[in-house]
Amino acid sequence: MLLTVLSENRSDSPFLGAEHGLSIYLEAGGRRLLFDMGASGLFWKNARTLGIDLSSVEMAFLSHGHDDHSGGLPTFLKGNARAPVYLREGCFAPLFSRSGDGCRPIGPDPALTASPRLVFTGAQERPAEGLLLFSDLCRREHWPSTNRNLLLEEGGVLGPDPFLHEQYLLVQEGGTALLLSGCAHRGIENIVARCAQHLGRAPDAVVSGFHLTSPRSGQAADAAEVQAVGRALAAYPHTRYYTCHCTGEGPFAQLRGELGDRLFPLHVGQRLAL
């Protein structure tokens, strides 16, 4: 498997842009895949700079409905004429982010539901050999406290988002298992645990933001919360973790204390051979 980061909060190259978003290009099992589309069309521009032709992507996946992952969906649908986009139906629910100056909508444009390329997924889907999309979590341990300002409107009332629009992708090739998540709003510990149940063992690698820092306020989860997450992930001794986007520098440094050299940062333009 070959993974390339197209959109992320940090770039180490003057030729590649960064944004608060996430998009990952993956070549696995002879297929070209796209996981999330960043906050804008920047992922497409960065791909072009890196020599990646996204018009040849065969399947695309949205981890959840927030606009830092779905904002580039119109760009993808325009630039790629054939790939289905797999997403949960709740991605088009009225999703909001709350801050001191009020609430703002953070979901994709509902007009995009008219596209025949969108494939709405259930709790488990196998879009191709070696690929499993799942959202059927059985646990609710250590949900990020930074979720508290993320809301869902139902019946005209804003309340806590249960993140039923979130899904995860397990990719298997040649004995290697990779788990991809966007922000892990439902708790990275729970996602990895459910993946291990589906797989019969822990994944070899996990790529995900851990949502331990709020993008609006910059406030990080407290040390006890981060420690609990780190210890839960450390229980899988052969799994490597590649994290980015919404984890935050402070939590990352603390997680290093629990996970050591099994924890790695990601940035725009980075390529990983797994």
Foldseek 3Di string as FASTA:
>chain_A
DKKAWQEFQDDPDPQADYDLATKMWDQAPNATEIEFCALAVSSVVSCVVVVHQLLRHAEYEYQAFFNRRCNHVVVSCVRHPHYAYEWAPCSPFFKWFQDPVGIDTGGDDPVVVPDPRYDHDDQWDDPDPQKIKHDPFDDQPLQAPLQQRIWTDDPNDTDRDPRSRGIKMWGDHPHAIEIEHEAPNSAPLRVQVVVCVVVVAGGQEYEYAPQQAHPVPRDGHDLVSLVVSLQSVVVRVRYAYEYGNRNDDVSLVSSCVSNPPSYHYDDHGDMDDD
